[in-house]
C-alpha atoms as a PDB file:
ATOM      1  CA  MET A   1      32.101   2.994  14.985  1.00  0.00           C
ATOM      2  CA  ALA A   2      29.687   6.242  14.386  1.00  0.00           C
ATOM      3  CA  SER A   3      30.305   9.239  15.889  1.00  0.00           C
ATOM      4  CA  ALA A   4      28.194  11.011  18.378  1.00  0.00           C
ATOM      5  CA  ALA A   5      27.823  13.336  15.931  1.00  0.00           C
ATOM      6  CA  ASP A   6      26.430  10.715  13.381  1.00  0.00           C
ATOM      7  CA  ASN A   7      24.895   9.423  15.729  1.00  0.00           C
ATOM      8  CA  ALA A   8      22.505  12.198  16.814  1.00  0.00           C
ATOM      9  CA  ALA A   9      21.537  12.937  12.955  1.00  0.00           C
ATOM     10  CA  LEU A  10      20.304   9.495  12.792  1.00  0.00           C
ATOM     11  CA  ALA A  11      17.911  10.495  15.634  1.00  0.00           C
ATOM     12  CA  ALA A  12      17.013  14.079  14.471  1.00  0.00           C
ATOM     13  CA  ARG A  13      16.205  12.041  11.070  1.00  0.00           C
ATOM     14  CA  ILE A  14      13.670   9.607  12.938  1.00  0.00           C
ATOM     15  CA  ARG A  15      12.354  12.293  15.570  1.00  0.00           C
ATOM     16  CA  ASN A  16      11.450  14.840  11.542  1.00  0.00           C
ATOM     17  CA  LEU A  17      10.260  11.429  10.391  1.00  0.00           C
ATOM     18  CA  GLU A  18      12.472  11.733   7.446  1.00  0.00           C
ATOM     19  CA  PHE A  19      11.660   8.703   5.556  1.00  0.00           C
ATOM     20  CA  PHE A  20      14.815   5.710   5.263  1.00  0.00           C
ATOM     21  CA  SER A  21      15.249   1.959   4.492  1.00  0.00           C
ATOM     22  CA  ALA A  22      17.920   0.075   6.727  1.00  0.00           C
ATOM     23  CA  PRO A  23      19.479  -3.061   5.718  1.00  0.00           C
ATOM     24  CA  GLY A  24      19.730  -6.017   8.535  1.00  0.00           C
ATOM     25  CA  ILE A  25      23.313  -7.392   9.176  1.00  0.00           C
ATOM     26  CA  PHE A  26      23.969 -10.553  11.417  1.00  0.00           C
ATOM     27  CA  GLU A  27      27.686 -10.719  11.856  1.00  0.00           C
ATOM     28  CA  LEU A  28      30.846  -8.804  10.291  1.00  0.00           C
ATOM     29  CA  ILE A  29      31.083 -10.253   6.999  1.00  0.00           C
ATOM     30  CA  SER A  30      26.949  -8.647   6.637  1.00  0.00           C
ATOM     31  CA  ALA A  31      28.053  -5.514   8.424  1.00  0.00           C
ATOM     32  CA  ARG A  32      31.222  -4.785   6.542  1.00  0.00           C
ATOM     33  CA  VAL A  33      29.721  -4.797   3.502  1.00  0.00           C
ATOM     34  CA  ALA A  34      26.503  -2.710   4.001  1.00  0.00           C
ATOM     35  CA  ASP A  35      28.887  -0.451   6.180  1.00  0.00           C
ATOM     36  CA  SER A  36      30.721   0.721   2.697  1.00  0.00           C
ATOM     37  CA  MET A  37      27.288   1.410   0.893  1.00  0.00           C
ATOM     38  CA  ASP A  38      26.038   4.714   2.530  1.00  0.00           C
ATOM     39  CA  PHE A  39      23.449   3.779   4.857  1.00  0.00           C
ATOM     40  CA  PRO A  40      21.270   6.061   7.236  1.00  0.00           C
ATOM     41  CA  ALA A  41      21.570   2.840   9.637  1.00  0.00           C
ATOM     42  CA  LEU A  42      22.014  -0.832  10.132  1.00  0.00           C
ATOM     43  CA  TYR A  43      19.893  -2.378  11.930  1.00  0.00           C
ATOM     44  CA  MET A  44      21.643  -6.047  13.857  1.00  0.00           C
ATOM     45  CA  THR A  45      18.643  -9.070  13.441  1.00  0.00           C
ATOM     46  CA  GLY A  46      18.338 -10.552  16.347  1.00  0.00           C
ATOM     47  CA  TYR A  47      17.266 -13.693  13.686  1.00  0.00           C
ATOM     48  CA  GLY A  48      20.617 -13.645  11.448  1.00  0.00           C
ATOM     49  CA  THR A  49      22.889 -13.288  14.243  1.00  0.00           C
ATOM     50  CA  VAL A  50      21.798 -15.521  16.297  1.00  0.00           C
ATOM     51  CA  ALA A  51      21.814 -17.894  13.672  1.00  0.00           C
ATOM     52  CA  SER A  52      25.301 -16.833  12.584  1.00  0.00           C
ATOM     53  CA  TYR A  53      26.545 -16.458  16.021  1.00  0.00           C
ATOM     54  CA  LEU A  54      25.092 -19.681  17.886  1.00  0.00           C
ATOM     55  CA  GLY A  55      23.599 -22.179  14.409  1.00  0.00           C
ATOM     56  CA  LEU A  56      20.814 -21.736  16.627  1.00  0.00           C
ATOM     57  CA  PRO A  57      17.000 -20.702  15.971  1.00  0.00           C
ATOM     58  CA  ASP A  58      15.863 -16.872  17.292  1.00  0.00           C
ATOM     59  CA  ALA A  59      13.090 -18.592  20.016  1.00  0.00           C
ATOM     60  CA  GLY A  60      15.444 -17.084  23.914  1.00  0.00           C
ATOM     61  CA  LEU A  61      18.319 -18.929  23.232  1.00  0.00           C
ATOM     62  CA  ALA A  62      20.858 -16.364  23.044  1.00  0.00           C
ATOM     63  CA  THR A  63      22.270 -14.250  26.306  1.00  0.00           C
ATOM     64  CA  TYR A  64      22.373 -10.727  27.142  1.00  0.00           C
ATOM     65  CA  SER A  65      26.534 -11.640  26.835  1.00  0.00           C
ATOM     66  CA  ASP A  66      25.933 -13.141  23.342  1.00  0.00           C
ATOM     67  CA  MET A  67      23.550 -10.469  21.634  1.00  0.00           C
ATOM     68  CA  ILE A  68      26.642  -7.023  23.278  1.00  0.00           C
ATOM     69  CA  ASP A  69      29.522  -9.235  22.159  1.00  0.00           C
ATOM     70  CA  ARG A  70      27.923  -8.733  18.957  1.00  0.00           C
ATOM     71  CA  VAL A  71      27.171  -5.175  19.335  1.00  0.00           C
ATOM     72  CA  SER A  72      30.083  -4.207  19.994  1.00  0.00           C
ATOM     73  CA  ARG A  73      31.651  -6.127  17.307  1.00  0.00           C
ATOM     74  CA  ILE A  74      29.621  -4.462  14.609  1.00  0.00           C
ATOM     75  CA  CYS A  75      30.379  -1.521  16.461  1.00  0.00           C
ATOM     76  CA  GLN A  76      34.047  -1.634  16.246  1.00  0.00           C
ATOM     77  CA  VAL A  77      34.048  -2.111  12.694  1.00  0.00           C
ATOM     78  CA  ALA A  78      30.911   0.289  11.444  1.00  0.00           C
ATOM     79  CA  LYS A  79      31.045   3.421  10.762  1.00  0.00           C
ATOM     80  CA  THR A  80      27.192   3.557  10.178  1.00  0.00           C
ATOM     81  CA  PRO A  81      24.847   4.054  13.358  1.00  0.00           C
ATOM     82  CA  LEU A  82      23.933   0.632  14.291  1.00  0.00           C
ATOM     83  CA  ILE A  83      20.357  -0.654  15.345  1.00  0.00           C
ATOM     84  CA  ALA A  84      20.207  -3.492  17.588  1.00  0.00           C
ATOM     85  CA  ASP A  85      17.431  -6.008  18.581  1.00  0.00           C
ATOM     86  CA  GLY A  86      17.968  -6.120  22.878  1.00  0.00           C
ATOM     87  CA  ASP A  87      14.811  -8.471  23.260  1.00  0.00           C
ATOM     88  CA  THR A  88      12.961  -8.415  25.910  1.00  0.00           C
ATOM     89  CA  GLY A  89      15.761  -6.769  27.591  1.00  0.00           C
ATOM     90  CA  TYR A  90      16.782 -10.386  29.328  1.00  0.00           C
ATOM     91  CA  GLY A  91      15.395 -10.603  32.732  1.00  0.00           C
ATOM     92  CA  GLY A  92      13.509  -8.006  35.161  1.00  0.00           C
ATOM     93  CA  LEU A  93      13.527  -4.125  35.455  1.00  0.00           C
ATOM     94  CA  LEU A  94      16.843  -4.670  37.095  1.00  0.00           C
ATOM     95  CA  ASN A  95      18.022  -6.059  33.544  1.00  0.00           C
ATOM     96  CA  MET A  96      16.033  -3.694  31.146  1.00  0.00           C
ATOM     97  CA  GLU A  97      18.485  -1.017  32.866  1.00  0.00           C
ATOM     98  CA  HIS A  98      21.668  -3.295  32.369  1.00  0.00           C
ATOM     99  CA  THR A  99      20.830  -3.888  28.634  1.00  0.00           C
ATOM    100  CA  VAL A 100      20.273  -0.353  27.609  1.00  0.00           C
ATOM    101  CA  ARG A 101      23.518   0.939  29.170  1.00  0.00           C
ATOM    102  CA  GLY A 102      25.580  -1.534  28.027  1.00  0.00           C
ATOM    103  CA  TYR A 103      23.764  -1.514  24.392  1.00  0.00           C
ATOM    104  CA  GLU A 104      24.578   2.206  24.309  1.00  0.00           C
ATOM    105  CA  ARG A 105      27.641   2.384  25.732  1.00  0.00           C
ATOM    106  CA  ALA A 106      28.821  -0.771  23.155  1.00  0.00           C
ATOM    107  CA  GLY A 107      28.130   1.712  20.766  1.00  0.00           C
ATOM    108  CA  ALA A 108      24.584   1.415  19.185  1.00  0.00           C
ATOM    109  CA  ALA A 109      22.235   4.039  18.233  1.00  0.00           C
ATOM    110  CA  VAL A 110      19.124   2.659  18.585  1.00  0.00           C
ATOM    111  CA  ILE A 111      18.022  -0.489  21.023  1.00  0.00           C
ATOM    112  CA  GLN A 112      14.963  -2.123  20.069  1.00  0.00           C
ATOM    113  CA  ILE A 113      13.423  -3.788  23.376  1.00  0.00           C
ATOM    114  CA  GLU A 114      10.325  -6.074  22.767  1.00  0.00           C
ATOM    115  CA  ASP A 115       7.331  -6.947  25.613  1.00  0.00           C
ATOM    116  CA  GLN A 116       7.202 -10.768  24.660  1.00  0.00           C
ATOM    117  CA  GLU A 117       7.611 -13.820  27.211  1.00  0.00           C
ATOM    118  CA  PHE A 118      10.419 -15.300  27.971  1.00  0.00           C
ATOM    119  CA  PRO A 119      11.846 -17.078  26.089  1.00  0.00           C
ATOM    120  CA  LYS A 120      10.866 -14.913  23.507  1.00  0.00           C
ATOM    121  CA  LYS A 121      10.551 -15.534  19.569  1.00  0.00           C
ATOM    122  CA  CYS A 122      11.087 -14.070  16.127  1.00  0.00           C
ATOM    123  CA  GLY A 123       8.509 -11.698  15.137  1.00  0.00           C
ATOM    124  CA  HIS A 124       8.056 -13.900  12.279  1.00  0.00           C
ATOM    125  CA  THR A 125       7.379 -17.401  13.823  1.00  0.00           C
ATOM    126  CA  PRO A 126       3.611 -18.451  15.165  1.00  0.00           C
ATOM    127  CA  GLY A 127       3.012 -18.560  19.493  1.00  0.00           C
ATOM    128  CA  ARG A 128       4.523 -15.494  20.840  1.00  0.00           C
ATOM    129  CA  ARG A 129       3.323 -14.442  23.732  1.00  0.00           C
ATOM    130  CA  VAL A 130       3.391 -10.881  25.743  1.00  0.00           C
ATOM    131  CA  ILE A 131       4.264  -9.719  29.073  1.00  0.00           C
ATOM    132  CA  PRO A 132       0.741  -8.104  30.987  1.00  0.00           C
ATOM    133  CA  ILE A 133       1.242  -4.240  29.449  1.00  0.00           C
ATOM    134  CA  GLU A 134       1.560  -3.371  32.512  1.00  0.00           C
ATOM    135  CA  ASP A 135       5.112  -4.662  32.838  1.00  0.00           C
ATOM    136  CA  ALA A 136       6.093  -3.343  29.549  1.00  0.00           C
ATOM    137  CA  VAL A 137       4.931  -0.024  30.320  1.00  0.00           C
ATOM    138  CA  ALA A 138       7.367  -0.109  33.045  1.00  0.00           C
ATOM    139  CA  LYS A 139      10.361  -1.620  30.616  1.00  0.00           C
ATOM    140  CA  ILE A 140       9.990   0.967  28.506  1.00  0.00           C
ATOM    141  CA  LYS A 141      10.044   3.623  31.404  1.00  0.00           C
ATOM    142  CA  VAL A 142      13.661   2.031  32.692  1.00  0.00           C
ATOM    143  CA  ALA A 143      14.990   1.853  29.328  1.00  0.00           C
ATOM    144  CA  VAL A 144      14.537   5.417  29.005  1.00  0.00           C
ATOM    145  CA  ALA A 145      15.501   6.235  32.822  1.00  0.00           C
ATOM    146  CA  SER A 146      18.709   4.769  31.589  1.00  0.00           C
ATOM    147  CA  ARG A 147      20.189   6.704  28.606  1.00  0.00           C
ATOM    148  CA  ASP A 148      22.837   8.635  29.044  1.00  0.00           C
ATOM    149  CA  SER A 149      22.555  10.314  26.056  1.00  0.00           C
ATOM    150  CA  GLN A 150      18.711  10.704  24.439  1.00  0.00           C
ATOM    151  CA  ASP A 151      19.953  10.333  21.022  1.00  0.00           C
ATOM    152  CA  PHE A 152      19.805   7.183  21.713  1.00  0.00           C
ATOM    153  CA  LEU A 153      17.151   5.633  21.491  1.00  0.00           C
ATOM    154  CA  ILE A 154      14.091   2.995  22.285  1.00  0.00           C
ATOM    155  CA  MET A 155      12.263   1.682  20.237  1.00  0.00           C
ATOM    156  CA  ALA A 156       9.733  -0.457  21.796  1.00  0.00           C
ATOM    157  CA  ARG A 157       8.046  -3.408  19.866  1.00  0.00           C
ATOM    158  CA  THR A 158       5.267  -5.200  20.569  1.00  0.00           C
ATOM    159  CA  ASP A 159       4.168  -8.837  19.805  1.00  0.00           C
ATOM    160  CA  ALA A 160       0.632  -8.563  20.330  1.00  0.00           C
ATOM    161  CA  ARG A 161      -0.962  -8.578  16.772  1.00  0.00           C
ATOM    162  CA  GLY A 162      -0.061 -12.705  16.561  1.00  0.00           C
ATOM    163  CA  LEU A 163      -2.630 -14.210  19.173  1.00  0.00           C
ATOM    164  CA  TYR A 164      -4.144 -10.757  20.588  1.00  0.00           C
ATOM    165  CA  GLY A 165      -5.064  -8.738  17.415  1.00  0.00           C
ATOM    166  CA  LEU A 166      -4.633  -5.439  15.916  1.00  0.00           C
ATOM    167  CA  ASP A 167      -5.867  -3.771  18.279  1.00  0.00           C
ATOM    168  CA  GLU A 168      -4.012  -4.831  21.377  1.00  0.00           C
ATOM    169  CA  GLY A 169      -1.002  -3.880  19.753  1.00  0.00           C
ATOM    170  CA  LEU A 170      -2.029  -0.361  18.830  1.00  0.00           C
ATOM    171  CA  ARG A 171      -3.187  -0.554  22.643  1.00  0.00           C
ATOM    172  CA  ARG A 172       0.009  -1.465  22.840  1.00  0.00           C
ATOM    173  CA  GLY A 173       1.938   0.736  21.484  1.00  0.00           C
ATOM    174  CA  GLU A 174      -0.213   4.053  22.215  1.00  0.00           C
ATOM    175  CA  ALA A 175       1.144   3.115  25.579  1.00  0.00           C
ATOM    176  CA  PHE A 176       4.935   2.977  24.815  1.00  0.00           C
ATOM    177  CA  ALA A 177       4.942   6.083  23.084  1.00  0.00           C
ATOM    178  CA  GLU A 178       3.358   7.441  26.698  1.00  0.00           C
ATOM    179  CA  ALA A 179       5.594   5.610  28.126  1.00  0.00           C
ATOM    180  CA  GLY A 180       8.606   7.790  26.415  1.00  0.00           C
ATOM    181  CA  ALA A 181       9.999   5.463  23.536  1.00  0.00           C
ATOM    182  CA  ASP A 182      10.918   7.158  20.568  1.00  0.00           C
ATOM    183  CA  ILE A 183       9.896   4.757  17.679  1.00  0.00           C
ATOM    184  CA  VAL A 184       6.843   2.307  17.975  1.00  0.00           C
ATOM    185  CA  PHE A 185       7.199  -1.068  16.208  1.00  0.00           C
ATOM    186  CA  VAL A 186       3.694  -2.949  15.745  1.00  0.00           C
ATOM    187  CA  GLU A 187       4.841  -6.326  14.780  1.00  0.00           C
ATOM    188  CA  SER A 188       3.603  -8.354  11.708  1.00  0.00           C
ATOM    189  CA  PRO A 189       0.722  -7.047  10.818  1.00  0.00           C
ATOM    190  CA  GLU A 190      -0.758  -8.985   8.578  1.00  0.00           C
ATOM    191  CA  SER A 191      -2.689  -6.896   5.652  1.00  0.00           C
ATOM    192  CA  GLU A 192      -1.680  -3.601   3.779  1.00  0.00           C
ATOM    193  CA  GLU A 193      -5.283  -2.697   5.484  1.00  0.00           C
ATOM    194  CA  GLU A 194      -4.149  -3.407   9.233  1.00  0.00           C
ATOM    195  CA  MET A 195      -0.537  -2.015   8.475  1.00  0.00           C
ATOM    196  CA  ARG A 196      -2.516   1.560   7.168  1.00  0.00           C
ATOM    197  CA  LYS A 197      -4.884   1.641   9.934  1.00  0.00           C
ATOM    198  CA  ILE A 198      -1.561   1.481  12.297  1.00  0.00           C
ATOM    199  CA  GLY A 199      -0.534   4.382   9.857  1.00  0.00           C
ATOM    200  CA  GLU A 200      -3.031   6.514  11.126  1.00  0.00           C
ATOM    201  CA  SER A 201      -2.812   5.980  14.774  1.00  0.00           C
ATOM    202  CA  PHE A 202      -0.211   6.716  15.170  1.00  0.00           C
ATOM    203  CA  LYS A 203       0.667  10.218  12.695  1.00  0.00           C
ATOM    204  CA  GLY A 204       3.308  12.342  13.822  1.00  0.00           C
ATOM    205  CA  LYS A 205       5.583   9.810  15.569  1.00  0.00           C
ATOM    206  CA  PRO A 206       8.465   7.859  14.104  1.00  0.00           C
ATOM    207  CA  LEU A 207       7.370   3.902  13.215  1.00  0.00           C
ATOM    208  CA  ILE A 208       8.772   1.389  11.784  1.00  0.00           C
ATOM    209  CA  ALA A 209       8.104  -1.475   9.027  1.00  0.00           C
ATOM    210  CA  ASN A 210       9.252  -4.496   9.644  1.00  0.00           C
ATOM    211  CA  MET A 211       9.789  -5.873   5.864  1.00  0.00           C
ATOM    212  CA  VAL A 212      10.796  -9.911   6.127  1.00  0.00           C
ATOM    213  CA  GLU A 213      10.559 -11.346   2.679  1.00  0.00           C
ATOM    214  CA  GLY A 214       8.261 -14.287   3.753  1.00  0.00           C
ATOM    215  CA  GLY A 215       7.099 -13.039   6.633  1.00  0.00           C
ATOM    216  CA  SER A 216       3.759 -12.124   7.888  1.00  0.00           C
ATOM    217  CA  THR A 217       3.625  -9.192   6.834  1.00  0.00           C
ATOM    218  CA  PRO A 218       3.210  -7.725   2.859  1.00  0.00           C
ATOM    219  CA  VAL A 219       6.276  -5.754   1.315  1.00  0.00           C
ATOM    220  CA  LEU A 220       5.441  -2.987   0.437  1.00  0.00           C
ATOM    221  CA  THR A 221       7.324  -0.332  -1.932  1.00  0.00           C
ATOM    222  CA  ALA A 222       9.333   2.819  -0.399  1.00  0.00           C
ATOM    223  CA  ASP A 223       6.449   5.383  -2.312  1.00  0.00           C
ATOM    224  CA  GLU A 224       3.505   2.747  -0.221  1.00  0.00           C
ATOM    225  CA  LEU A 225       5.122   2.959   2.902  1.00  0.00           C
ATOM    226  CA  LYS A 226       5.770   6.645   3.457  1.00  0.00           C
ATOM    227  CA  ASP A 227       2.934   7.261   2.216  1.00  0.00           C
ATOM    228  CA  ILE A 228       1.489   4.951   4.735  1.00  0.00           C
ATOM    229  CA  GLY A 229       3.382   7.122   7.424  1.00  0.00           C
ATOM    230  CA  TYR A 230       6.045   4.711   8.148  1.00  0.00           C
ATOM    231  CA  THR A 231       9.865   6.158   9.074  1.00  0.00           C
ATOM    232  CA  LEU A 232      11.680   3.475   8.524  1.00  0.00           C
ATOM    233  CA  ALA A 233      11.190   0.243   6.685  1.00  0.00           C
ATOM    234  CA  ILE A 234      14.365  -2.511   8.182  1.00  0.00           C
ATOM    235  CA  PHE A 235      14.981  -5.657   6.071  1.00  0.00           C
ATOM    236  CA  PRO A 236      16.624  -7.910   8.514  1.00  0.00           C
ATOM    237  CA  ALA A 237      16.472 -11.036   6.270  1.00  0.00           C
ATOM    238  CA  THR A 238      16.832 -10.178   2.749  1.00  0.00           C
ATOM    239  CA  GLY A 239      20.878 -10.273   3.603  1.00  0.00           C
ATOM    240  CA  PHE A 240      21.174 -13.979   4.994  1.00  0.00           C
ATOM    241  CA  LEU A 241      18.538 -15.199   2.958  1.00  0.00           C
ATOM    242  CA  ALA A 242      20.049 -13.498  -0.750  1.00  0.00           C
ATOM    243  CA  MET A 243      23.560 -15.354   1.664  1.00  0.00           C
ATOM    244  CA  GLY A 244      22.308 -18.962   1.834  1.00  0.00           C
ATOM    245  CA  HIS A 245      20.504 -19.173  -1.015  1.00  0.00           C
ATOM    246  CA  ALA A 246      23.658 -18.191  -3.072  1.00  0.00           C
ATOM    247  CA  LEU A 247      26.127 -20.389  -0.326  1.00  0.00           C
ATOM    248  CA  LYS A 248      23.224 -23.176  -1.007  1.00  0.00           C
ATOM    249  CA  GLY A 249      24.073 -22.612  -5.115  1.00  0.00           C
ATOM    250  CA  VAL A 250      28.296 -22.393  -5.166  1.00  0.00           C
ATOM    251  CA  TYR A 251      28.188 -25.663  -2.823  1.00  0.00           C
ATOM    252  CA  SER A 252      25.993 -27.572  -4.738  1.00  0.00           C
ATOM    253  CA  HIS A 253      28.323 -26.789  -7.312  1.00  0.00           C
ATOM    254  CA  LEU A 254      31.453 -27.339  -5.877  1.00  0.00           C
ATOM    255  CA  ARG A 255      29.898 -31.549  -4.541  1.00  0.00           C
ATOM    256  CA  GLU A 256      29.063 -31.905  -8.727  1.00  0.00           C
ATOM    257  CA  ASN A 257      32.136 -30.247 -10.221  1.00  0.00           C
ATOM    258  CA  TYR A 258      34.552 -30.704  -8.186  1.00  0.00           C
ATOM    259  CA  SER A 259      35.903 -26.929  -8.754  1.00  0.00           C
ATOM    260  CA  SER A 260      34.430 -23.689  -9.039  1.00  0.00           C
ATOM    261  CA  VAL A 261      35.125 -23.520 -12.950  1.00  0.00           C
ATOM    262  CA  GLY A 262      31.916 -23.368 -15.290  1.00  0.00           C
ATOM    263  CA  MET A 263      29.981 -21.807 -11.962  1.00  0.00           C
ATOM    264  CA  ASN A 264      27.302 -19.582 -12.521  1.00  0.00           C
ATOM    265  CA  GLN A 265      26.818 -17.467  -9.508  1.00  0.00           C
ATOM    266  CA  PRO A 266      28.946 -14.206  -9.550  1.00  0.00           C
ATOM    267  CA  VAL A 267      31.772 -13.520  -7.208  1.00  0.00           C
ATOM    268  CA  GLU A 268      33.009 -10.441  -5.766  1.00  0.00           C
ATOM    269  CA  ASP A 269      36.901 -10.080  -6.843  1.00  0.00           C
ATOM    270  CA  PHE A 270      39.023 -11.183  -4.487  1.00  0.00           C
ATOM    271  CA  GLN A 271      41.695  -7.997  -4.037  1.00  0.00           C
ATOM    272  CA  ASP A 272      38.695  -5.174  -3.657  1.00  0.00           C
ATOM    273  CA  PHE A 273      36.788  -7.869  -1.074  1.00  0.00           C
ATOM    274  CA  SER A 274      40.352  -7.712   0.734  1.00  0.00           C
ATOM    275  CA  VAL A 275      40.597  -4.382   0.749  1.00  0.00           C
ATOM    276  CA  MET A 276      36.644  -3.757   2.222  1.00  0.00           C
ATOM    277  CA  MET A 277      37.400  -6.135   4.818  1.00  0.00           C
ATOM    278  CA  GLY A 278      40.139  -3.852   6.373  1.00  0.00           C
ATOM    279  CA  PHE A 279      43.977  -5.390   4.522  1.00  0.00           C
ATOM    280  CA  GLN A 280      44.702  -2.243   2.940  1.00  0.00           C
ATOM    281  CA  ASP A 281      45.592  -0.915   6.591  1.00  0.00           C
ATOM    282  CA  VAL A 282      47.732  -3.969   7.239  1.00  0.00           C
ATOM    283  CA  TRP A 283      49.628  -3.214   3.995  1.00  0.00           C
ATOM    284  CA  ASP A 284      49.775   0.477   4.165  1.00  0.00           C
ATOM    285  CA  PHE A 285      51.118  -0.952   8.576  1.00  0.00           C
ATOM    286  CA  GLU A 286      53.847  -2.863   6.837  1.00  0.00           C
ATOM    287  CA  LYS A 287      55.021  -0.460   4.234  1.00  0.00           C
ATOM    288  CA  LYS A 288      55.935   1.505   7.238  1.00  0.00           C
ATOM    289  CA  TRP A 289      57.673  -0.140   8.744  1.00  0.00           C
ATOM    290  CA  ALA A 290      59.512  -2.710   6.201  1.00  0.00           C
ATOM    291  CA  GLU A 291      63.115  -1.346   7.445  1.00  0.00           C
ATOM    292  CA  VAL A 292      62.339  -1.636  11.290  1.00  0.00           C
ATOM    293  CA  ALA A 293      60.679  -5.289  10.246  1.00  0.00           C
END
């Protein structure tokens, strides 16, 4: 689990508008791999987590219990601060309080809260509807009031752009910032021009870019994102899309050849991978207690 000092350092970095990117992780192998690579933070993607844990689409089918279990287990194996998708808070204001406290106790450094109606949908899929702005602002106020530490950050996301236009997204983002949100997340702008309008609207405030390959928003370079005014960029789908492509290639070869011999897909060294998964601790333990056994 990330230490309190690490989470505080991440909070300071975000408040100081120091740009960084975070990889999307979606289960425990991806968490361990990304944790070994010295990122400032990891991003627990709702799409990937629901798909890997339940085999279902990210369409409001995962419960608080499902997601808090994933947050807790990821935090147990990763020492990098975790930005965790908290969906809509899984209900009303009382549920929001419960969700924020649960995510913070589980070890997350940042919780992402959305303003969608229930059941919510993945941010780059059609038909997303949002709750009235007054209700959404109340949820953010409750989230801010429910945390124990000021270093546990509240990321407020609006999905209003899809059906209601960018201006409504900007209006909600400003309202969320005024309600105390630490990070503003205007989801799924559909052009670089819209992204620049978002950057102009939230100058001096922590701002997140959601980079989804094949999604609604253009995927830009780090320099372009910094120039626009984004503080951090998440890449929620990159990992599981790469994994899916690699698995298709590997499984196709096995299906056609009944063997991995001659396979074009590079694979990790088994021993090195085992160490990364924690087997070195097992081997050290067995060596230490060999005589007793």
